[in-house]
Amino acid sequence: ALRERIGALPGQVRRPRRHWLPLCACAAVVLIGAGGFLLLQNGGLGGSSAGGGHEDPEDGYDVVTTLDLDLQDVADKALRRQLEAQNAIWGTTIVMEVHTGEILAMVNLGRNADGSFAERENYALGRSMEPGSTFKLATMLTLLDDARMPVSTVYDTHNGDPVTVGPARNIRDSHRGDREIDFRRAVASSSNVYFAKAIWDRYGSTGRKQEYSDFLHKELHLGQTVGLERLGERKPSVTTDWKVPDPGVMLVKMSYGYRVRLAPIQMITFYNAIANGGKMISPVLVRELRRGDRVEERFESRTIASSIASRAALREVQQCLQAVCTEGTASAFFRDTTRLRVAAKTGTAQITDARSREGRYYLGSMVAYFPADAPRYTVLTTIHTKRQAGKSYYGGPLSGPVVKKVVTYLYNREHDWDLSPENSGEKHYPRRIKGGDIAQIRRIADKFSPRTSFEDRKGWGTVRIDSLSNVTISTLAQDDQTMPNVVGMGLKDALFLLESRGLRVSFSGRGSVRYQSIAPGTRISRGGAVTITLK
């Protein structure tokens, strides 16, 4: 019976083939290859070939992914550090190239029993959960494109107090300070009440609920997978069936990201479409399959929709997402737009599934694309955590540090963000020059400003630029017993000047000094401590 099962003659062994492993949505990828077999004749302590009946092994494919190893490492470290700092449960970070759909980084980290973090599960593809306020992007487009709601529409959000919207009770915003606000302010502050009222007013009547879900499916394509099913992508859940016990409550809850379920890969694909001018493309994780030097198969992104929204709606939501970074829920990370403008949305969802019976669990997310005026990259971080004293659970403070780290790394790595504009014949002058060594300031000012005024050719000075771009350099007093004014200086000059006067300096930030803990002119003594903040 055994001989029949393995198909070998007495005294002979047949080496079995290995299994094929499916890897991507486009093809079944053979990573391991196929083992051959050889018939051997046993004889005493040795063996010899029985001749005939053998099969050569076959090498597996080499899989060339789209992952950028340096970026993957940066994203891994940033996510790991934040998960540890917040004592979180799991998290994922994805970086997607806007125009190609290539996934440049995909990090998935979950907590082990000993408190460490490892790649336990592909959360980016396999966790389909209620996203919270990041889903408001779908609500925004629905209101603007389908319902034709003017952005000037105002609703009373009741200063964070609970309100009833349609049949849904206890709808509230997570912040206070807003009462009657328009569409743009509602996006920046991520108002649940505003969007709940707006959707209920336009889709709450019988029959219109179906129009709402049809728009989400047919125009925004939020009810379908994005092409990575064989890698474990979960199908999203965006209802088309309103024969439920509480359809009105479901409609209101959907407006701000509950009663729907999406995987992080589907959410970043949706935001990437906004960055891509409305064109939604599928993400690509495997670029090609090779056998040795020969390319067996090449994979490219496919177009899911040539445009998911009108140009007018796209322009409006793009501006609103920028406002989220300058004055809204992501402003703590991207308010300073002098170097790079970012568009983003944060989201927080309280998790109520059966696995989270004890305590209060949250899903905090941030999705960003940049540069906002010519997008290249879309970045998403989602973190699952339990509410704990002294720890974050809102999307901004929970996921923002990771997104900020990745965005900063990509910005600093690129060499062509600031390509020189075409010469129009018009002269351009600097708006700011750092203070410090007067001789160095003069060399810069003489080259780039129409006029430079100064008191001394050497020493230390501060800089003022008037409305005509004229530069005035004021000399600092050479008194080692008083605190100098280092505001406006770069870190190198500020450190040298302060430490030369015997001060112990601590600093934070980057750029030029914006704050010093000891006021200029104050009497100082050697060994004293001073703190400076740069921005």
Protein backbone atom coordinates (compact mmCIF):
# COMPACT_ATOMS: atom_id res chain seq x y z
CA ALA A 1 0.00 0.00 0.00
CA LEU A 2 2.84 2.40 0.84
CA ARG A 3 4.55 1.64 -2.48
CA GLU A 4 1.34 2.44 -4.33
CA ARG A 5 0.99 5.77 -2.49
CA ILE A 6 4.51 7.01 -3.32
CA GLY A 7 4.75 5.34 -6.72
CA ALA A 8 8.19 3.81 -6.13
CA LEU A 9 9.71 0.41 -6.70
CA PRO A 10 10.92 -1.74 -3.79
CA GLY A 11 14.06 -0.20 -2.34
CA GLN A 12 13.47 3.08 -4.17
CA VAL A 13 12.49 6.58 -2.86
CA ARG A 14 10.59 9.26 -4.78
CA ARG A 15 11.18 12.83 -3.59
CA PRO A 16 7.85 14.71 -3.67
CA ARG A 17 7.11 18.05 -5.32
CA ARG A 18 6.72 21.16 -3.16
CA HIS A 19 3.53 23.22 -3.01
CA TRP A 20 2.65 26.36 -4.94
CA LEU A 21 1.98 29.51 -2.92
CA PRO A 22 -0.50 32.15 -4.20
CA LEU A 23 0.97 35.63 -3.62
CA CYS A 24 -0.83 38.32 -5.60
CA ALA A 25 -4.20 39.09 -7.13
CA CYS A 26 -2.89 38.77 -10.66
CA ALA A 27 -1.33 35.31 -10.65
CA ALA A 28 -0.44 32.30 -8.54
CA VAL A 29 3.18 32.94 -7.72
CA VAL A 30 5.51 30.01 -7.18
CA LEU A 31 7.91 31.16 -4.48
CA ILE A 32 9.28 27.78 -3.48
CA GLY A 33 9.33 26.26 -6.94
CA ALA A 34 8.90 22.56 -7.66
CA GLY A 35 11.06 19.78 -6.32
CA GLY A 36 12.12 17.05 -8.70
CA PHE A 37 12.52 13.37 -7.89
CA LEU A 38 15.21 10.77 -8.37
CA LEU A 39 14.90 7.00 -8.11
CA LEU A 40 17.61 5.43 -5.94
CA GLN A 41 18.39 1.73 -5.50
CA ASN A 42 19.29 0.86 -1.89
CA GLY A 43 22.19 -1.47 -1.46
CA GLY A 44 23.88 -2.03 1.88
CA LEU A 45 25.34 1.20 3.24
CA GLY A 46 25.14 3.06 -0.02
CA GLY A 47 22.82 3.66 -2.93
CA SER A 48 22.97 4.13 -6.66
CA SER A 49 20.75 5.57 -9.33
CA ALA A 50 18.18 3.12 -10.64
CA GLY A 51 18.22 4.89 -13.99
CA GLY A 52 15.27 6.38 -15.86
CA GLY A 53 12.23 7.84 -14.13
CA HIS A 54 13.46 11.16 -12.69
CA GLU A 55 12.42 14.82 -12.87
CA ASP A 56 14.63 17.88 -12.47
CA PRO A 57 13.66 20.47 -9.83
CA GLU A 58 12.32 23.83 -10.96
CA ASP A 59 13.37 27.12 -9.38
CA GLY A 60 10.69 29.38 -7.95
CA TYR A 61 10.03 32.95 -9.03
CA ASP A 62 11.85 35.96 -7.67
CA VAL A 63 9.18 38.45 -6.52
CA VAL A 64 10.06 42.11 -7.07
CA THR A 65 7.90 44.26 -4.79
CA THR A 66 7.30 47.99 -4.92
CA LEU A 67 8.50 48.49 -1.33
CA ASP A 68 11.18 51.09 -0.68
CA LEU A 69 13.38 49.48 1.98
CA ASP A 70 14.64 52.74 3.48
CA LEU A 71 11.13 54.15 3.72
CA GLN A 72 9.84 50.85 5.07
CA ASP A 73 12.45 51.04 7.83
CA VAL A 74 11.53 54.64 8.70
CA ALA A 75 7.82 53.81 8.81
CA ASP A 76 8.45 50.69 10.90
CA LYS A 77 10.49 52.58 13.50
CA ALA A 78 8.04 55.49 13.68
CA LEU A 79 5.01 53.22 14.10
CA ARG A 80 6.78 50.95 16.58
CA ARG A 81 7.87 53.93 18.70
CA GLN A 82 4.33 55.33 18.81
CA LEU A 83 2.73 51.97 19.62
CA GLU A 84 5.15 51.53 22.52
CA ALA A 85 4.67 55.09 23.78
CA GLN A 86 0.86 54.78 23.71
CA ASN A 87 0.72 51.17 24.94
CA ALA A 88 -1.45 50.43 21.91
CA ILE A 89 -2.71 47.09 20.59
CA TRP A 90 -1.84 47.19 16.89
CA GLY A 91 -1.15 49.63 14.10
CA THR A 92 -0.50 49.90 10.39
CA THR A 93 1.19 52.50 8.20
CA ILE A 94 0.91 52.60 4.40
CA VAL A 95 2.68 54.90 1.94
CA MET A 96 1.29 55.03 -1.61
CA GLU A 97 2.72 56.83 -4.62
CA VAL A 98 -0.06 59.03 -5.96
CA HIS A 99 0.23 58.62 -9.73
CA THR A 100 1.39 54.99 -9.97
CA GLY A 101 -0.47 53.42 -7.05
CA GLU A 102 2.73 51.67 -5.94
CA ILE A 103 2.90 50.80 -2.24
CA LEU A 104 6.26 52.12 -1.04
CA ALA A 105 5.82 51.06 2.57
CA MET A 106 3.39 48.80 4.41
CA VAL A 107 4.03 48.18 8.10
CA ASN A 108 1.83 45.97 10.30
CA LEU A 109 2.70 45.63 13.98
CA GLY A 110 0.74 43.91 16.73
CA ARG A 111 1.40 43.49 20.44
CA ASN A 112 2.84 40.19 21.67
CA ALA A 113 2.06 38.69 25.06
CA ASP A 114 5.34 40.07 26.46
CA GLY A 115 4.47 43.62 25.36
CA SER A 116 6.79 43.72 22.34
CA PHE A 117 5.55 44.37 18.81
CA ALA A 118 5.94 42.14 15.76
CA GLU A 119 4.34 41.44 12.37
CA ARG A 120 1.47 39.35 13.65
CA GLU A 121 -1.19 40.07 11.05
CA ASN A 122 -1.69 42.06 7.85
CA TYR A 123 -3.90 44.72 9.43
CA ALA A 124 -3.62 46.96 6.36
CA LEU A 125 -5.59 44.50 4.23
CA GLY A 126 -7.31 42.17 6.65
CA ARG A 127 -8.92 44.45 9.25
CA SER A 128 -12.19 45.89 8.00
CA MET A 129 -13.46 48.23 10.73
CA GLU A 130 -15.54 51.36 11.29
CA PRO A 131 -13.17 54.17 10.28
CA GLY A 132 -14.75 57.15 12.04
CA SER A 133 -14.23 60.64 10.69
CA THR A 134 -11.87 59.74 7.83
CA PHE A 135 -15.07 58.50 6.15
CA LYS A 136 -16.38 62.09 6.20
CA LEU A 137 -14.52 62.59 2.93
CA ALA A 138 -17.22 60.41 1.33
CA THR A 139 -19.89 62.49 3.05
CA MET A 140 -18.28 65.71 1.82
CA LEU A 141 -18.27 64.54 -1.80
CA THR A 142 -21.83 63.24 -1.55
CA LEU A 143 -23.12 66.57 -0.22
CA LEU A 144 -21.23 68.63 -2.81
CA ASP A 145 -21.66 66.46 -5.90
CA ASP A 146 -24.90 64.56 -5.44
CA ALA A 147 -26.94 66.83 -3.15
CA ARG A 148 -25.45 70.05 -4.59
CA MET A 149 -25.25 71.58 -1.12
CA PRO A 150 -23.60 75.05 -1.05
CA VAL A 151 -20.48 75.30 1.14
CA SER A 152 -22.06 78.37 2.73
CA THR A 153 -24.71 76.16 4.38
CA VAL A 154 -24.71 76.75 8.15
CA TYR A 155 -25.77 74.40 10.96
CA ASP A 156 -25.80 74.87 14.72
CA THR A 157 -23.47 72.25 16.23
CA HIS A 158 -24.50 73.11 19.82
CA ASN A 159 -21.04 73.70 21.29
CA GLY A 160 -20.33 70.01 21.84
CA ASP A 161 -23.59 69.23 23.66
CA PRO A 162 -25.54 66.09 22.63
CA VAL A 163 -28.37 66.60 20.13
CA THR A 164 -30.96 64.51 18.33
CA VAL A 165 -30.71 64.28 14.54
CA GLY A 166 -33.71 62.58 12.97
CA PRO A 167 -34.23 59.36 14.94
CA ALA A 168 -30.62 59.30 16.20
CA ARG A 169 -29.97 60.56 19.72
CA ASN A 170 -26.87 61.78 21.53
CA ILE A 171 -24.97 62.96 18.48
CA ARG A 172 -22.20 65.27 19.62
CA ASP A 173 -18.87 66.77 18.64
CA SER A 174 -15.71 65.89 20.51
CA HIS A 175 -14.82 69.57 21.03
CA ARG A 176 -16.39 72.76 22.26
CA GLY A 177 -16.26 76.24 20.81
CA ASP A 178 -18.32 75.77 17.64
CA ARG A 179 -21.96 76.75 17.30
CA GLU A 180 -23.21 77.96 13.91
CA ILE A 181 -20.58 76.92 11.38
CA ASP A 182 -20.34 76.43 7.62
CA PHE A 183 -19.10 73.47 5.57
CA ARG A 184 -15.43 74.44 5.59
CA ARG A 185 -15.26 74.94 9.33
CA ALA A 186 -17.12 71.66 9.83
CA VAL A 187 -14.40 69.81 7.90
CA ALA A 188 -11.53 71.51 9.74
CA SER A 189 -13.04 70.77 13.16
CA SER A 190 -14.44 67.37 12.11
CA SER A 191 -17.98 68.10 13.30
CA ASN A 192 -20.20 65.03 13.65
CA VAL A 193 -23.29 67.14 14.26
CA TYR A 194 -22.87 69.24 11.11
CA PHE A 195 -22.55 66.28 8.74
CA ALA A 196 -25.26 64.28 10.50
CA LYS A 197 -27.72 67.16 10.05
CA ALA A 198 -26.67 67.81 6.45
CA ILE A 199 -27.08 64.17 5.39
CA TRP A 200 -30.38 63.74 7.28
CA ASP A 201 -31.88 66.86 5.70
CA ARG A 202 -31.05 65.67 2.18
CA TYR A 203 -31.37 61.87 2.39
CA GLY A 204 -33.57 61.17 5.40
CA SER A 205 -36.83 60.84 3.50
CA THR A 206 -38.08 57.53 2.11
CA GLY A 207 -36.30 56.57 -1.09
CA ARG A 208 -33.43 58.98 -0.74
CA LYS A 209 -31.46 56.66 1.54
CA GLN A 210 -31.00 54.37 -1.45
CA GLU A 211 -29.73 57.31 -3.52
CA TYR A 212 -27.16 57.96 -0.80
CA SER A 213 -25.79 54.41 -0.78
CA ASP A 214 -25.92 54.22 -4.58
CA PHE A 215 -23.66 57.27 -4.79
CA LEU A 216 -21.19 55.71 -2.35
CA HIS A 217 -21.06 52.52 -4.44
CA LYS A 218 -21.41 53.67 -8.03
CA GLU A 219 -19.59 57.01 -7.96
CA LEU A 220 -17.12 56.71 -5.08
CA HIS A 221 -16.58 52.92 -5.50
CA LEU A 222 -16.46 52.35 -1.76
CA GLY A 223 -18.30 49.03 -1.80
CA GLN A 224 -15.63 47.05 -3.62
CA THR A 225 -12.18 45.68 -3.00
CA VAL A 226 -9.18 47.33 -4.65
CA GLY A 227 -7.55 44.23 -6.18
CA LEU A 228 -5.54 42.64 -3.37
CA GLU A 229 -8.01 39.91 -2.42
CA ARG A 230 -5.49 37.06 -2.74
CA LEU A 231 -3.21 38.84 -0.32
CA GLY A 232 -6.00 38.84 2.24
CA GLU A 233 -7.92 42.03 1.46
CA ARG A 234 -11.29 42.04 3.21
CA LYS A 235 -14.39 43.19 1.35
CA PRO A 236 -15.71 46.54 2.64
CA SER A 237 -19.18 46.81 4.13
CA VAL A 238 -21.17 49.80 2.86
CA THR A 239 -24.86 48.96 2.96
CA THR A 240 -27.19 48.95 -0.03
CA ASP A 241 -30.01 47.29 1.92
CA TRP A 242 -32.11 49.70 3.95
CA LYS A 243 -34.51 47.02 5.20
CA VAL A 244 -33.03 47.18 8.68
CA PRO A 245 -34.75 47.91 12.01
CA ASP A 246 -33.27 51.43 12.26
CA PRO A 247 -32.55 52.78 8.74
CA GLY A 248 -32.72 56.40 9.90
CA VAL A 249 -30.18 55.85 12.66
CA MET A 250 -27.94 53.97 10.22
CA LEU A 251 -28.04 56.87 7.76
CA VAL A 252 -27.06 59.40 10.43
CA LYS A 253 -24.29 57.18 11.82
CA MET A 254 -22.86 56.54 8.34
CA SER A 255 -22.44 60.27 7.78
CA TYR A 256 -19.58 60.39 10.27
CA GLY A 257 -18.03 56.96 9.80
CA TYR A 258 -20.03 54.37 11.73
CA ARG A 259 -22.17 51.48 10.40
CA VAL A 260 -19.62 51.12 7.56
CA ARG A 261 -16.46 49.01 7.49
CA LEU A 262 -13.36 49.52 5.37
CA ALA A 263 -9.83 48.16 5.47
CA PRO A 264 -6.97 50.69 5.69
CA ILE A 265 -5.86 49.80 2.13
CA GLN A 266 -9.30 50.80 0.83
CA MET A 267 -9.27 54.08 2.75
CA ILE A 268 -5.85 55.15 1.44
CA THR A 269 -6.93 54.23 -2.11
CA PHE A 270 -9.94 56.54 -1.71
CA TYR A 271 -7.85 59.46 -0.44
CA ASN A 272 -5.23 58.84 -3.09
CA ALA A 273 -7.94 59.43 -5.69
CA ILE A 274 -8.45 62.96 -4.30
CA ALA A 275 -4.70 63.55 -4.46
CA ASN A 276 -4.71 62.18 -8.03
CA GLY A 277 -7.24 64.71 -9.29
CA GLY A 278 -10.20 62.35 -8.92
CA LYS A 279 -8.67 59.35 -10.69
CA MET A 280 -8.95 56.23 -8.53
CA ILE A 281 -6.32 53.58 -9.24
CA SER A 282 -5.66 50.21 -7.66
CA PRO A 283 -2.66 49.83 -5.35
CA VAL A 284 0.29 47.76 -6.58
CA LEU A 285 2.48 45.77 -4.20
CA VAL A 286 4.19 43.32 -6.61
CA ARG A 287 5.91 44.98 -9.56
CA GLU A 288 7.09 41.88 -11.44
CA LEU A 289 7.93 38.19 -11.27
CA ARG A 290 11.36 37.04 -12.43
CA ARG A 291 13.05 33.74 -13.03
CA GLY A 292 16.71 34.60 -12.97
CA ASP A 293 17.20 37.59 -15.26
CA ARG A 294 14.03 36.91 -17.24
CA VAL A 295 10.86 38.88 -16.43
CA GLU A 296 7.98 36.39 -16.43
CA GLU A 297 5.19 38.81 -15.61
CA ARG A 298 4.86 42.53 -14.89
CA PHE A 299 2.05 44.17 -12.92
CA GLU A 300 0.75 47.70 -13.18
CA SER A 301 -2.02 49.65 -11.55
CA ARG A 302 -5.47 49.54 -13.12
CA THR A 303 -7.92 52.41 -13.24
CA ILE A 304 -10.94 51.84 -11.00
CA ALA A 305 -12.58 55.13 -12.01
CA SER A 306 -11.34 57.89 -14.28
CA SER A 307 -12.94 60.44 -11.94
CA ILE A 308 -14.93 59.95 -8.75
CA ALA A 309 -16.12 63.56 -8.47
CA SER A 310 -16.60 66.80 -10.38
CA ARG A 311 -13.74 69.26 -10.65
CA ALA A 312 -15.60 71.78 -8.51
CA ALA A 313 -16.15 69.25 -5.72
CA LEU A 314 -12.54 68.09 -5.89
CA ARG A 315 -11.21 71.62 -5.62
CA GLU A 316 -13.40 72.30 -2.61
CA VAL A 317 -12.48 69.16 -0.66
CA GLN A 318 -8.80 69.63 -1.48
CA GLN A 319 -8.91 73.11 0.03
CA CYS A 320 -10.82 71.82 3.04
CA LEU A 321 -8.26 69.06 3.64
CA GLN A 322 -5.51 71.67 3.58
CA ALA A 323 -7.44 73.68 6.16
CA VAL A 324 -7.48 70.60 8.41
CA CYS A 325 -3.68 70.96 8.52
CA THR A 326 -3.51 74.73 9.00
CA GLU A 327 -6.37 75.33 11.42
CA GLY A 328 -8.06 72.03 12.15
CA THR A 329 -7.52 68.67 13.81
CA ALA A 330 -4.12 68.06 12.12
CA SER A 331 -2.74 71.56 12.72
CA ALA A 332 -0.56 70.41 15.62
CA PHE A 333 1.57 68.56 13.04
CA PHE A 334 1.30 70.58 9.82
CA ARG A 335 0.40 74.14 10.78
CA ASP A 336 3.74 75.53 9.58
CA THR A 337 3.26 75.51 5.80
CA THR A 338 6.23 77.68 4.85
CA ARG A 339 8.17 74.63 3.62
CA LEU A 340 5.54 72.11 2.62
CA ARG A 341 1.77 72.18 2.41
CA VAL A 342 -0.05 69.01 3.43
CA ALA A 343 -3.69 67.96 3.07
CA ALA A 344 -5.08 65.53 5.63
CA LYS A 345 -8.03 64.21 7.61
CA THR A 346 -8.12 62.63 11.05
CA GLY A 347 -10.60 60.10 12.36
CA THR A 348 -11.54 58.43 15.63
CA ALA A 349 -13.96 55.53 16.07
CA GLN A 350 -15.02 53.86 19.29
CA ILE A 351 -14.89 50.11 18.76
CA THR A 352 -17.93 48.17 19.90
CA ASP A 353 -17.32 44.68 18.51
CA ALA A 354 -17.54 41.52 20.58
CA ARG A 355 -13.77 41.31 21.08
CA SER A 356 -13.74 44.63 22.95
CA ARG A 357 -16.16 43.97 25.80
CA GLU A 358 -13.86 45.18 28.55
CA GLY A 359 -12.91 48.84 28.61
CA ARG A 360 -13.24 51.39 25.82
CA TYR A 361 -11.34 50.67 22.61
CA TYR A 362 -10.65 53.15 19.83
CA LEU A 363 -9.38 53.25 16.27
CA GLY A 364 -7.42 56.45 15.58
CA SER A 365 -6.36 57.35 12.04
CA MET A 366 -4.80 60.04 9.93
CA VAL A 367 -4.60 60.09 6.13
CA ALA A 368 -2.47 62.74 4.42
CA TYR A 369 -1.17 63.55 0.96
CA PHE A 370 1.53 66.02 -0.03
CA PRO A 371 2.63 68.39 -1.40
CA ALA A 372 -0.96 69.62 -1.40
CA ASP A 373 -0.56 71.64 -4.60
CA ALA A 374 1.19 68.83 -6.55
CA PRO A 375 0.69 65.56 -4.66
CA ARG A 376 3.27 62.78 -4.86
CA TYR A 377 2.61 60.62 -1.82
CA THR A 378 -0.36 59.53 0.26
CA VAL A 379 0.30 58.33 3.82
CA LEU A 380 -2.03 56.52 6.21
CA THR A 381 -1.58 55.43 9.80
CA THR A 382 -4.26 53.60 11.78
CA ILE A 383 -3.77 52.55 15.41
CA HIS A 384 -6.04 50.43 17.59
CA THR A 385 -5.77 51.18 21.29
CA LYS A 386 -7.56 51.10 24.62
CA ARG A 387 -8.43 54.29 26.46
CA GLN A 388 -5.86 54.75 29.22
CA ALA A 389 -4.88 57.54 31.58
CA GLY A 390 -2.20 59.76 30.05
CA LYS A 391 -2.42 58.11 26.62
CA SER A 392 -3.90 59.32 23.33
CA TYR A 393 -6.89 57.80 21.60
CA TYR A 394 -8.03 60.54 19.19
CA GLY A 395 -6.85 60.11 15.61
CA GLY A 396 -4.68 63.24 15.49
CA PRO A 397 -2.45 62.75 18.53
CA LEU A 398 -2.50 58.95 18.16
CA SER A 399 -1.53 58.57 14.48
CA GLY A 400 -0.28 62.06 13.66
CA PRO A 401 3.29 61.60 15.01
CA VAL A 402 3.82 58.63 12.68
CA VAL A 403 2.43 60.40 9.61
CA LYS A 404 4.48 63.49 10.45
CA LYS A 405 7.67 61.42 10.69
CA VAL A 406 7.08 59.74 7.34
CA VAL A 407 6.14 63.00 5.60
CA THR A 408 9.21 64.76 7.02
CA TYR A 409 11.50 61.93 5.91
CA LEU A 410 10.15 61.96 2.37
CA TYR A 411 10.35 65.74 2.15
CA ASN A 412 13.97 65.84 3.33
CA ARG A 413 14.96 62.94 1.08
CA GLU A 414 13.72 64.52 -2.12
CA HIS A 415 16.01 66.89 -3.99
CA ASP A 416 13.58 68.44 -6.40
CA TRP A 417 10.72 69.74 -4.26
CA ASP A 418 11.86 73.30 -4.88
CA LEU A 419 12.60 73.26 -8.57
CA SER A 420 13.63 76.67 -9.84
CA PRO A 421 10.76 78.44 -11.61
CA GLU A 422 11.09 79.59 -15.16
CA ASN A 423 12.76 82.97 -15.40
CA SER A 424 10.00 85.51 -15.97
CA GLY A 425 12.35 88.51 -15.72
CA GLU A 426 10.85 89.50 -12.37
CA LYS A 427 13.24 89.80 -9.42
CA HIS A 428 12.48 87.86 -6.26
CA TYR A 429 13.84 88.77 -2.84
CA PRO A 430 14.05 86.77 0.41
CA ARG A 431 11.33 87.26 2.99
CA ARG A 432 13.50 86.14 5.90
CA ILE A 433 17.22 85.86 6.67
CA LYS A 434 18.51 84.27 9.85
CA GLY A 435 20.47 86.42 12.30
CA GLY A 436 23.94 85.50 13.55
CA ASP A 437 27.41 86.28 12.26
CA ILE A 438 27.26 89.74 10.63
CA ALA A 439 29.83 88.95 7.96
CA GLN A 440 27.81 85.93 6.80
CA ILE A 441 24.54 87.87 6.89
CA ARG A 442 26.07 90.60 4.73
CA ARG A 443 27.26 88.11 2.12
CA ILE A 444 23.74 86.72 1.79
CA ALA A 445 21.96 90.07 1.91
CA ASP A 446 24.28 91.75 -0.59
CA LYS A 447 23.56 89.00 -3.10
CA PHE A 448 19.80 88.64 -2.70
CA SER A 449 18.43 91.97 -1.41
CA PRO A 450 18.20 95.35 -3.15
CA ARG A 451 19.80 97.22 -0.24
CA THR A 452 21.67 96.25 2.93
CA SER A 453 22.24 98.54 5.93
CA PHE A 454 24.52 97.68 8.85
CA GLU A 455 26.36 99.25 11.79
CA ASP A 456 29.39 96.95 11.96
CA ARG A 457 31.11 94.62 9.54
CA LYS A 458 31.85 91.99 12.18
CA GLY A 459 30.30 90.63 15.35
CA TRP A 460 26.79 89.32 15.98
CA GLY A 461 23.56 90.82 14.77
CA THR A 462 19.82 90.52 14.22
CA VAL A 463 18.04 91.05 10.90
CA ARG A 464 14.97 93.03 9.88
CA ILE A 465 13.52 92.99 6.33
CA ASP A 466 11.09 95.77 5.36
CA SER A 467 8.24 95.66 2.85
CA LEU A 468 10.63 96.60 0.03
CA SER A 469 12.93 93.65 0.92
CA ASN A 470 15.64 95.99 2.24
CA VAL A 471 17.78 94.36 4.96
CA THR A 472 18.82 96.13 8.16
CA ILE A 473 21.41 94.43 10.40
CA SER A 474 21.51 95.54 14.06
CA THR A 475 24.63 94.74 16.09
CA LEU A 476 24.25 92.94 19.41
CA ALA A 477 25.97 94.39 22.47
CA GLN A 478 29.25 92.64 23.28
CA ASP A 479 28.49 92.19 26.99
CA ASP A 480 29.19 88.74 28.40
CA GLN A 481 27.17 89.58 31.52
CA THR A 482 23.83 90.06 29.76
CA MET A 483 21.56 87.74 27.81
CA PRO A 484 21.83 88.33 24.04
CA ASN A 485 18.84 88.33 21.69
CA VAL A 486 19.13 85.10 19.66
CA VAL A 487 15.57 85.14 18.27
CA GLY A 488 15.79 84.78 14.49
CA MET A 489 19.18 83.02 14.56
CA GLY A 490 19.90 79.52 13.35
CA LEU A 491 20.82 76.83 15.85
CA LYS A 492 24.56 76.88 15.07
CA ASP A 493 25.02 80.61 15.74
CA ALA A 494 22.66 80.67 18.71
CA LEU A 495 24.48 77.78 20.41
CA PHE A 496 27.89 79.31 19.81
CA LEU A 497 26.87 82.72 21.13
CA LEU A 498 25.11 81.40 24.26
CA GLU A 499 27.70 78.80 25.15
CA SER A 500 30.51 81.34 24.70
CA ARG A 501 28.87 83.24 27.57
CA GLY A 502 28.99 80.16 29.79
CA LEU A 503 25.32 79.18 29.53
CA ARG A 504 24.01 75.61 29.45
CA VAL A 505 21.67 75.40 26.46
CA SER A 506 18.79 73.03 25.75
CA PHE A 507 16.80 73.32 22.55
CA SER A 508 13.91 71.82 20.59
CA GLY A 509 12.55 72.14 17.05
CA ARG A 510 14.30 73.14 13.84
CA GLY A 511 14.62 76.24 11.71
CA SER A 512 15.31 79.55 13.47
CA VAL A 513 14.93 80.53 17.11
CA ARG A 514 11.42 81.72 17.96
CA TYR A 515 11.64 81.70 21.77
CA GLN A 516 14.30 82.03 24.47
CA SER A 517 13.55 81.39 28.13
CA ILE A 518 15.73 84.28 29.38
CA ALA A 519 14.76 87.70 28.06
CA PRO A 520 17.41 89.75 26.17
CA GLY A 521 19.30 92.17 28.41
CA THR A 522 18.82 90.07 31.56
CA ARG A 523 21.91 89.74 33.75
CA ILE A 524 23.35 86.23 33.49
CA SER A 525 26.04 84.21 35.22
CA ARG A 526 28.20 81.40 33.92
CA GLY A 527 26.67 77.96 34.41
CA GLY A 528 23.09 79.21 34.08
CA ALA A 529 20.54 77.28 32.02
CA VAL A 530 18.57 78.61 29.06
CA THR A 531 16.05 76.95 26.75
CA ILE A 532 15.51 77.95 23.14
CA THR A 533 12.73 76.81 20.80
CA LEU A 534 13.17 76.73 17.03
CA LYS A 535 10.50 76.67 14.37
